[in-house]
């Protein structure tokens, strides 16, 4: 069995089961408060990330390069190496003579 199969994102049935478990654990009255708290936490995290990026940019403007969408970025082909020179011809070598005295 492949161990990476356990790392997949939950699909439709798993999400529904998780939703019902959360509904049972927290109750219908607490779910809006829970969702609101999660939304505020995500907003705080995003705000802290933006502040950190802004701080880096003011320290060194070339340090942070924001790429919103890779599809919008211009395509820059990778540099190619120059073609290799053909190998130099090898001069023939006479076979060694074996003389016994």
C-alpha atoms as a PDB file:
ATOM      1  CA  UNK A   1       0.000   0.000   0.000  1.00  0.00           C
ATOM      2  CA  UNK A   2       1.283   3.437  -0.928  1.00  0.00           C
ATOM      3  CA  UNK A   3       1.735   5.631   2.209  1.00  0.00           C
ATOM      4  CA  UNK A   4       0.974   8.794   0.222  1.00  0.00           C
ATOM      5  CA  UNK A   5      -2.612   7.682  -0.345  1.00  0.00           C
ATOM      6  CA  UNK A   6      -3.375   8.671   3.242  1.00  0.00           C
ATOM      7  CA  UNK A   7      -2.335  12.277   2.493  1.00  0.00           C
ATOM      8  CA  UNK A   8      -5.046  12.975  -0.087  1.00  0.00           C
ATOM      9  CA  UNK A   9      -7.557  15.759   0.464  1.00  0.00           C
ATOM     10  CA  UNK A  10     -10.990  14.621   1.636  1.00  0.00           C
ATOM     11  CA  UNK A  11     -13.598  14.293  -1.094  1.00  0.00           C
ATOM     12  CA  UNK A  12     -17.359  14.862  -1.067  1.00  0.00           C
ATOM     13  CA  UNK A  13     -18.470  12.039   1.257  1.00  0.00           C
ATOM     14  CA  UNK A  14     -15.652  12.709   3.724  1.00  0.00           C
ATOM     15  CA  UNK A  15     -16.517  16.410   3.926  1.00  0.00           C
ATOM     16  CA  UNK A  16     -20.179  15.608   4.601  1.00  0.00           C
ATOM     17  CA  UNK A  17     -19.189  13.170   7.368  1.00  0.00           C
ATOM     18  CA  UNK A  18     -16.851  15.780   8.888  1.00  0.00           C
ATOM     19  CA  UNK A  19     -19.603  18.407   8.754  1.00  0.00           C
ATOM     20  CA  UNK A  20     -22.043  16.127  10.602  1.00  0.00           C
ATOM     21  CA  UNK A  21     -19.412  15.258  13.225  1.00  0.00           C
ATOM     22  CA  UNK A  22     -18.742  18.951  13.824  1.00  0.00           C
ATOM     23  CA  UNK A  23     -22.490  19.590  13.969  1.00  0.00           C
ATOM     24  CA  UNK A  24     -22.906  16.853  16.598  1.00  0.00           C
ATOM     25  CA  UNK A  25     -19.895  17.994  18.655  1.00  0.00           C
ATOM     26  CA  UNK A  26     -20.584  21.735  18.693  1.00  0.00           C
ATOM     27  CA  UNK A  27     -24.324  21.957  18.073  1.00  0.00           C
ATOM     28  CA  UNK A  28     -26.271  24.058  15.612  1.00  0.00           C
ATOM     29  CA  UNK A  29     -26.132  27.199  17.772  1.00  0.00           C
ATOM     30  CA  UNK A  30     -22.328  27.220  18.031  1.00  0.00           C
ATOM     31  CA  UNK A  31     -21.576  26.642  14.311  1.00  0.00           C
ATOM     32  CA  UNK A  32     -22.080  30.294  13.208  1.00  0.00           C
ATOM     33  CA  UNK A  33     -19.857  31.475  16.060  1.00  0.00           C
ATOM     34  CA  UNK A  34     -17.243  28.871  15.146  1.00  0.00           C
ATOM     35  CA  UNK A  35     -17.298  29.875  11.468  1.00  0.00           C
ATOM     36  CA  UNK A  36     -17.091  33.566  12.388  1.00  0.00           C
ATOM     37  CA  UNK A  37     -14.090  32.887  14.621  1.00  0.00           C
ATOM     38  CA  UNK A  38     -12.356  30.910  11.879  1.00  0.00           C
ATOM     39  CA  UNK A  39     -13.007  33.723   9.389  1.00  0.00           C
ATOM     40  CA  UNK A  40     -11.530  36.273  11.765  1.00  0.00           C
ATOM     41  CA  UNK A  41      -8.494  34.068  12.326  1.00  0.00           C
ATOM     42  CA  UNK A  42      -7.935  33.753   8.568  1.00  0.00           C
ATOM     43  CA  UNK A  43      -8.263  37.525   8.164  1.00  0.00           C
ATOM     44  CA  UNK A  44      -5.758  38.135  10.982  1.00  0.00           C
ATOM     45  CA  UNK A  45      -3.315  35.692   9.413  1.00  0.00           C
ATOM     46  CA  UNK A  46      -3.660  37.364   6.005  1.00  0.00           C
ATOM     47  CA  UNK A  47      -3.204  40.787   7.592  1.00  0.00           C
ATOM     48  CA  UNK A  48      -0.052  39.645   9.417  1.00  0.00           C
ATOM     49  CA  UNK A  49       1.313  38.135   6.192  1.00  0.00           C
ATOM     50  CA  UNK A  50       0.680  41.378   4.289  1.00  0.00           C
ATOM     51  CA  UNK A  51       2.314  43.421   7.065  1.00  0.00           C
ATOM     52  CA  UNK A  52       5.347  41.120   7.001  1.00  0.00           C
ATOM     53  CA  UNK A  53       5.654  41.427   3.207  1.00  0.00           C
ATOM     54  CA  UNK A  54       5.270  45.210   3.438  1.00  0.00           C
ATOM     55  CA  UNK A  55       7.988  45.300   6.114  1.00  0.00           C
ATOM     56  CA  UNK A  56      10.331  43.299   3.895  1.00  0.00           C
ATOM     57  CA  UNK A  57       9.598  45.525   0.931  1.00  0.00           C
ATOM     58  CA  UNK A  58      10.409  48.699   2.863  1.00  0.00           C
ATOM     59  CA  UNK A  59      13.653  47.167   4.128  1.00  0.00           C
ATOM     60  CA  UNK A  60      14.752  46.041   0.664  1.00  0.00           C
ATOM     61  CA  UNK A  61      12.476  46.816  -2.305  1.00  0.00           C
ATOM     62  CA  UNK A  62      14.085  44.054  -4.407  1.00  0.00           C
ATOM     63  CA  UNK A  63      13.612  41.369  -1.727  1.00  0.00           C
ATOM     64  CA  UNK A  64       9.943  40.589  -2.374  1.00  0.00           C
ATOM     65  CA  UNK A  65       8.615  39.866  -5.833  1.00  0.00           C
ATOM     66  CA  UNK A  66       4.878  39.265  -5.680  1.00  0.00           C
ATOM     67  CA  UNK A  67       3.537  36.920  -8.341  1.00  0.00           C
ATOM     68  CA  UNK A  68      -0.246  37.014  -8.260  1.00  0.00           C
ATOM     69  CA  UNK A  69      -0.861  34.472 -11.000  1.00  0.00           C
ATOM     70  CA  UNK A  70       1.688  32.492 -12.973  1.00  0.00           C
ATOM     71  CA  UNK A  71      -0.581  32.542 -16.036  1.00  0.00           C
ATOM     72  CA  UNK A  72      -0.284  36.327 -16.145  1.00  0.00           C
ATOM     73  CA  UNK A  73       3.503  36.266 -15.962  1.00  0.00           C
ATOM     74  CA  UNK A  74       5.353  36.586 -19.279  1.00  0.00           C
ATOM     75  CA  UNK A  75       7.002  33.444 -20.542  1.00  0.00           C
ATOM     76  CA  UNK A  76      10.775  33.612 -20.404  1.00  0.00           C
ATOM     77  CA  UNK A  77      12.487  30.619 -21.985  1.00  0.00           C
ATOM     78  CA  UNK A  78      15.378  29.073 -20.122  1.00  0.00           C
ATOM     79  CA  UNK A  79      18.808  30.036 -21.428  1.00  0.00           C
ATOM     80  CA  UNK A  80      20.223  27.486 -23.809  1.00  0.00           C
ATOM     81  CA  UNK A  81      23.843  26.436 -23.941  1.00  0.00           C
ATOM     82  CA  UNK A  82      25.888  27.071 -27.057  1.00  0.00           C
ATOM     83  CA  UNK A  83      26.250  24.034 -29.323  1.00  0.00           C
ATOM     84  CA  UNK A  84      29.278  21.937 -28.478  1.00  0.00           C
ATOM     85  CA  UNK A  85      32.245  22.027 -30.824  1.00  0.00           C
ATOM     86  CA  UNK A  86      32.871  18.826 -32.788  1.00  0.00           C
ATOM     87  CA  UNK A  87      35.559  16.611 -31.268  1.00  0.00           C
ATOM     88  CA  UNK A  88      39.087  17.099 -32.548  1.00  0.00           C
ATOM     89  CA  UNK A  89      40.373  14.340 -34.868  1.00  0.00           C
ATOM     90  CA  UNK A  90      42.665  11.855 -33.202  1.00  0.00           C
ATOM     91  CA  UNK A  91      45.981  11.039 -34.920  1.00  0.00           C
ATOM     92  CA  UNK A  92      46.571   7.317 -35.468  1.00  0.00           C
ATOM     93  CA  UNK A  93      49.103   5.763 -33.146  1.00  0.00           C
ATOM     94  CA  UNK A  94      51.459   2.996 -34.272  1.00  0.00           C
ATOM     95  CA  UNK A  95      51.095  -0.206 -32.267  1.00  0.00           C
ATOM     96  CA  UNK A  96      53.932  -0.827 -29.815  1.00  0.00           C
ATOM     97  CA  UNK A  97      56.648  -3.199 -30.926  1.00  0.00           C
ATOM     98  CA  UNK A  98      57.563  -6.018 -28.639  1.00  0.00           C
ATOM     99  CA  UNK A  99      61.259  -6.769 -28.904  1.00  0.00           C
ATOM    100  CA  UNK A 100      62.822  -9.401 -26.744  1.00  0.00           C
ATOM    101  CA  UNK A 101      66.655  -9.479 -26.309  1.00  0.00           C
END
